[in-house]
């Protein structure tokens, strides 16, 4: 019996060759997934980077404007954003002007405009954002039709909107530029569609305030009394 075990052990040690085709069939799916996943992840990070850079460029251009802001001008800035971000999907921009409310000693939403049918911020948006009542703010938006931004959630500002507002000097205007986009992976590697939102705060470069033409203004607290 001992002799049989010795011969069998020697025979097994000598046979070290494997089947390359079987090994390839086992490893190839994992290699292909890793290759595709790397390209998908790179595309996602690239799209986010381009979105943020495009948002900063558009915000800088808006801050240098010396004429009155009009819906046509802001719609044109959305076209510029598309070119800069190289987005493959529809985008939207929302520009809001904040001023200091002396009556309540807090920021006040002076006006807000959303391009391509995007809803502007509600009058009480800052109050709801400050309190963190996102559900109440979501109730201020209404669903739209015929757009990827038709859902209420797609029109919502980021939760950190209020904390991102810089110090506002009384008598000056703070411009808050939001960009709304999306990204979809071209292959199923465990990632789903993502919102590509950017928020940029900037002051007008050449004047403490900005004027608008064709965009309604929100009354201040003392004016609503």
Protein backbone atom coordinates (compact mmCIF):
# COMPACT_ATOMS: atom_id res chain seq x y z
CA UNK A 1 0.00 0.00 0.00
CA UNK A 2 2.81 2.37 0.87
CA UNK A 3 4.45 1.65 -2.49
CA UNK A 4 1.21 2.45 -4.36
CA UNK A 5 0.84 5.79 -2.56
CA UNK A 6 4.45 6.67 -3.33
CA UNK A 7 4.03 5.97 -7.05
CA UNK A 8 0.73 7.90 -7.17
CA UNK A 9 2.23 10.93 -5.39
CA UNK A 10 5.19 10.96 -7.75
CA UNK A 11 2.89 10.78 -10.74
CA UNK A 12 0.74 13.70 -9.54
CA UNK A 13 3.76 15.92 -8.87
CA UNK A 14 5.02 15.33 -12.38
CA UNK A 15 1.69 16.46 -14.02
CA UNK A 16 1.78 20.25 -13.51
CA UNK A 17 0.46 21.29 -16.92
CA UNK A 18 -3.03 22.90 -17.10
CA UNK A 19 -5.50 23.74 -19.79
CA UNK A 20 -4.87 27.26 -21.12
CA UNK A 21 -8.26 27.43 -22.79
CA UNK A 22 -10.10 26.69 -19.54
CA UNK A 23 -8.06 29.26 -17.62
CA UNK A 24 -8.71 31.83 -20.34
CA UNK A 25 -12.47 31.23 -20.20
CA UNK A 26 -12.39 31.78 -16.44
CA UNK A 27 -10.25 34.93 -16.45
CA UNK A 28 -11.41 36.61 -19.69
CA UNK A 29 -14.85 37.82 -18.43
CA UNK A 30 -13.20 39.48 -15.41
CA UNK A 31 -10.58 41.12 -17.60
CA UNK A 32 -13.19 42.42 -20.02
CA UNK A 33 -15.35 43.76 -17.16
CA UNK A 34 -12.34 45.51 -15.60
CA UNK A 35 -11.42 47.07 -18.95
CA UNK A 36 -14.94 48.34 -19.67
CA UNK A 37 -15.41 49.51 -16.06
CA UNK A 38 -12.19 51.52 -16.24
CA UNK A 39 -13.39 53.32 -19.37
CA UNK A 40 -16.85 53.95 -17.85
CA UNK A 41 -15.41 55.32 -14.60
CA UNK A 42 -13.01 57.54 -16.53
CA UNK A 43 -15.85 58.87 -18.66
CA UNK A 44 -17.92 59.62 -15.56
CA UNK A 45 -15.13 61.52 -13.80
CA UNK A 46 -14.31 63.36 -17.04
CA UNK A 47 -17.93 64.44 -17.47
CA UNK A 48 -18.10 65.70 -13.88
CA UNK A 49 -14.85 67.62 -14.27
CA UNK A 50 -15.98 69.21 -17.53
CA UNK A 51 -19.31 70.15 -15.94
CA UNK A 52 -17.64 71.90 -13.01
CA UNK A 53 -15.12 73.71 -15.19
CA UNK A 54 -17.87 74.81 -17.61
CA UNK A 55 -19.98 76.05 -14.70
CA UNK A 56 -17.11 78.18 -13.39
CA UNK A 57 -16.42 79.59 -16.85
CA UNK A 58 -20.07 80.50 -17.41
CA UNK A 59 -20.30 82.03 -13.93
CA UNK A 60 -17.22 84.15 -14.63
CA UNK A 61 -18.72 85.36 -17.91
CA UNK A 62 -22.01 86.22 -16.20
CA UNK A 63 -20.19 88.15 -13.47
CA UNK A 64 -18.55 90.35 -16.12
CA UNK A 65 -21.81 91.33 -17.82
CA UNK A 66 -22.48 95.07 -17.68
CA UNK A 67 -25.86 95.10 -19.43
CA UNK A 68 -29.22 94.10 -17.99
CA UNK A 69 -29.80 90.39 -17.63
CA UNK A 70 -32.53 89.16 -19.95
CA UNK A 71 -34.03 85.70 -20.51
CA UNK A 72 -32.44 85.67 -23.96
CA UNK A 73 -28.99 86.35 -22.51
CA UNK A 74 -29.28 83.57 -19.93
CA UNK A 75 -30.63 81.14 -22.51
CA UNK A 76 -27.57 81.96 -24.61
CA UNK A 77 -25.32 81.19 -21.66
CA UNK A 78 -26.89 77.73 -21.54
CA UNK A 79 -25.78 77.24 -25.14
CA UNK A 80 -22.26 78.26 -24.12
CA UNK A 81 -22.39 75.84 -21.20
CA UNK A 82 -23.31 72.98 -23.55
CA UNK A 83 -20.31 73.74 -25.75
CA UNK A 84 -17.91 73.96 -22.80
CA UNK A 85 -19.18 70.89 -20.97
CA UNK A 86 -19.45 68.83 -24.18
CA UNK A 87 -22.57 67.31 -22.73
CA UNK A 88 -24.25 64.47 -24.60
CA UNK A 89 -27.48 65.04 -22.70
CA UNK A 90 -29.79 68.04 -22.11
CA UNK A 91 -28.67 70.65 -19.58
CA UNK A 92 -30.25 73.53 -17.70
CA UNK A 93 -28.94 76.62 -15.85
CA UNK A 94 -30.55 78.52 -13.02
CA UNK A 95 -29.23 81.94 -12.07
CA UNK A 96 -30.40 83.54 -8.83
CA UNK A 97 -29.54 86.95 -7.41
CA UNK A 98 -29.31 87.31 -3.63
CA UNK A 99 -29.25 90.57 -1.72
CA UNK A 100 -29.11 91.37 1.98
CA UNK A 101 -32.45 91.88 3.68
CA UNK A 102 -31.95 94.55 6.34
CA UNK A 103 -35.39 93.90 7.82
CA UNK A 104 -34.73 90.21 8.58
CA UNK A 105 -30.94 90.52 8.69
CA UNK A 106 -30.49 87.62 6.31
CA UNK A 107 -30.03 86.89 2.56
CA UNK A 108 -33.03 87.53 0.35
CA UNK A 109 -33.81 85.93 -3.01
CA UNK A 110 -34.12 88.98 -5.26
CA UNK A 111 -34.84 87.10 -8.48
CA UNK A 112 -34.31 83.70 -10.03
CA UNK A 113 -34.46 82.40 -13.59
CA UNK A 114 -34.18 78.88 -15.00
CA UNK A 115 -33.30 78.25 -18.63
CA UNK A 116 -35.16 75.92 -20.99
CA UNK A 117 -38.23 75.82 -18.79
CA UNK A 118 -36.43 74.98 -15.54
CA UNK A 119 -38.40 76.32 -12.59
CA UNK A 120 -36.86 79.28 -10.72
CA UNK A 121 -36.26 79.09 -7.00
CA UNK A 122 -39.41 79.80 -4.97
CA UNK A 123 -39.58 83.05 -3.00
CA UNK A 124 -39.15 81.22 0.34
CA UNK A 125 -36.42 78.86 -0.93
CA UNK A 126 -33.67 80.35 1.26
CA UNK A 127 -35.76 80.04 4.40
CA UNK A 128 -36.53 76.39 3.68
CA UNK A 129 -32.93 75.63 2.75
CA UNK A 130 -31.68 77.25 5.95
CA UNK A 131 -34.03 75.15 8.06
CA UNK A 132 -33.21 72.03 6.09
CA UNK A 133 -36.85 71.43 5.21
CA UNK A 134 -36.17 69.88 1.82
CA UNK A 135 -39.55 68.15 1.65
CA UNK A 136 -41.37 71.48 1.99
CA UNK A 137 -39.11 73.01 -0.65
CA UNK A 138 -39.77 70.09 -2.96
CA UNK A 139 -43.47 70.78 -2.59
CA UNK A 140 -42.90 74.26 -4.03
CA UNK A 141 -41.88 72.80 -7.40
CA UNK A 142 -44.36 71.38 -9.87
CA UNK A 143 -43.73 68.53 -12.31
CA UNK A 144 -43.12 69.53 -15.92
CA UNK A 145 -43.70 67.60 -19.11
CA UNK A 146 -41.56 66.87 -22.12
CA UNK A 147 -38.19 67.13 -20.39
CA UNK A 148 -35.67 64.98 -18.58
CA UNK A 149 -35.97 67.57 -15.82
CA UNK A 150 -39.72 67.05 -15.57
CA UNK A 151 -39.54 65.45 -12.14
CA UNK A 152 -39.58 67.61 -9.05
CA UNK A 153 -36.36 66.12 -7.72
CA UNK A 154 -34.42 67.04 -10.86
CA UNK A 155 -35.26 70.73 -10.31
CA UNK A 156 -34.19 70.83 -6.67
CA UNK A 157 -31.09 72.76 -5.58
CA UNK A 158 -28.32 70.92 -3.78
CA UNK A 159 -28.78 70.46 -0.04
CA UNK A 160 -25.66 72.57 0.67
CA UNK A 161 -27.03 75.56 -1.26
CA UNK A 162 -27.60 77.83 1.75
CA UNK A 163 -24.28 76.98 3.43
CA UNK A 164 -22.51 77.79 0.14
CA UNK A 165 -23.73 81.41 0.11
CA UNK A 166 -20.76 83.72 0.82
CA UNK A 167 -21.02 86.83 2.97
CA UNK A 168 -23.25 89.40 1.28
CA UNK A 169 -22.39 93.05 1.81
CA UNK A 170 -25.53 95.19 2.19
CA UNK A 171 -26.18 96.99 -1.07
CA UNK A 172 -24.41 94.36 -3.15
CA UNK A 173 -25.68 91.40 -5.15
CA UNK A 174 -24.51 87.79 -4.94
CA UNK A 175 -25.10 85.64 -8.01
CA UNK A 176 -25.67 81.93 -7.50
CA UNK A 177 -25.31 79.90 -10.69
CA UNK A 178 -26.61 76.33 -10.71
CA UNK A 179 -26.04 73.95 -13.60
CA UNK A 180 -28.11 70.81 -14.12
CA UNK A 181 -26.97 67.92 -16.27
CA UNK A 182 -26.84 64.18 -16.32
CA UNK A 183 -24.51 61.34 -17.21
CA UNK A 184 -25.34 57.81 -18.24
CA UNK A 185 -22.85 54.94 -18.48
CA UNK A 186 -22.58 53.39 -21.93
CA UNK A 187 -22.21 49.92 -20.37
CA UNK A 188 -23.72 48.19 -17.35
CA UNK A 189 -20.84 47.88 -14.87
CA UNK A 190 -22.73 48.60 -11.66
CA UNK A 191 -23.25 52.36 -12.17
CA UNK A 192 -26.55 54.01 -13.02
CA UNK A 193 -27.43 57.47 -14.38
CA UNK A 194 -26.14 60.35 -12.26
CA UNK A 195 -27.01 64.02 -11.88
CA UNK A 196 -24.17 66.37 -12.71
CA UNK A 197 -24.97 69.48 -10.70
CA UNK A 198 -22.62 72.35 -10.01
CA UNK A 199 -23.09 75.43 -7.85
CA UNK A 200 -20.96 78.56 -8.24
CA UNK A 201 -21.26 81.78 -6.23
CA UNK A 202 -19.85 84.97 -7.72
CA UNK A 203 -20.12 88.73 -7.34
CA UNK A 204 -20.58 91.13 -10.25
CA UNK A 205 -17.16 92.36 -11.32
CA UNK A 206 -17.88 95.92 -12.39
CA UNK A 207 -20.92 96.93 -10.34
CA UNK A 208 -22.23 96.07 -6.85
CA UNK A 209 -25.66 95.28 -8.29
CA UNK A 210 -27.15 93.88 -11.49
CA UNK A 211 -30.26 94.92 -13.39
CA UNK A 212 -32.73 92.65 -15.12
CA UNK A 213 -35.15 93.09 -17.98
CA UNK A 214 -37.99 90.60 -18.42
CA UNK A 215 -37.26 88.71 -15.19
CA UNK A 216 -39.72 89.32 -12.31
CA UNK A 217 -38.36 90.53 -8.97
CA UNK A 218 -39.35 89.15 -5.59
CA UNK A 219 -40.58 91.74 -3.05
CA UNK A 220 -38.44 92.19 0.05
CA UNK A 221 -39.70 91.42 3.53
CA UNK A 222 -40.60 95.01 4.42
CA UNK A 223 -42.37 95.37 1.07
CA UNK A 224 -44.53 92.32 1.77
CA UNK A 225 -45.78 93.69 5.08
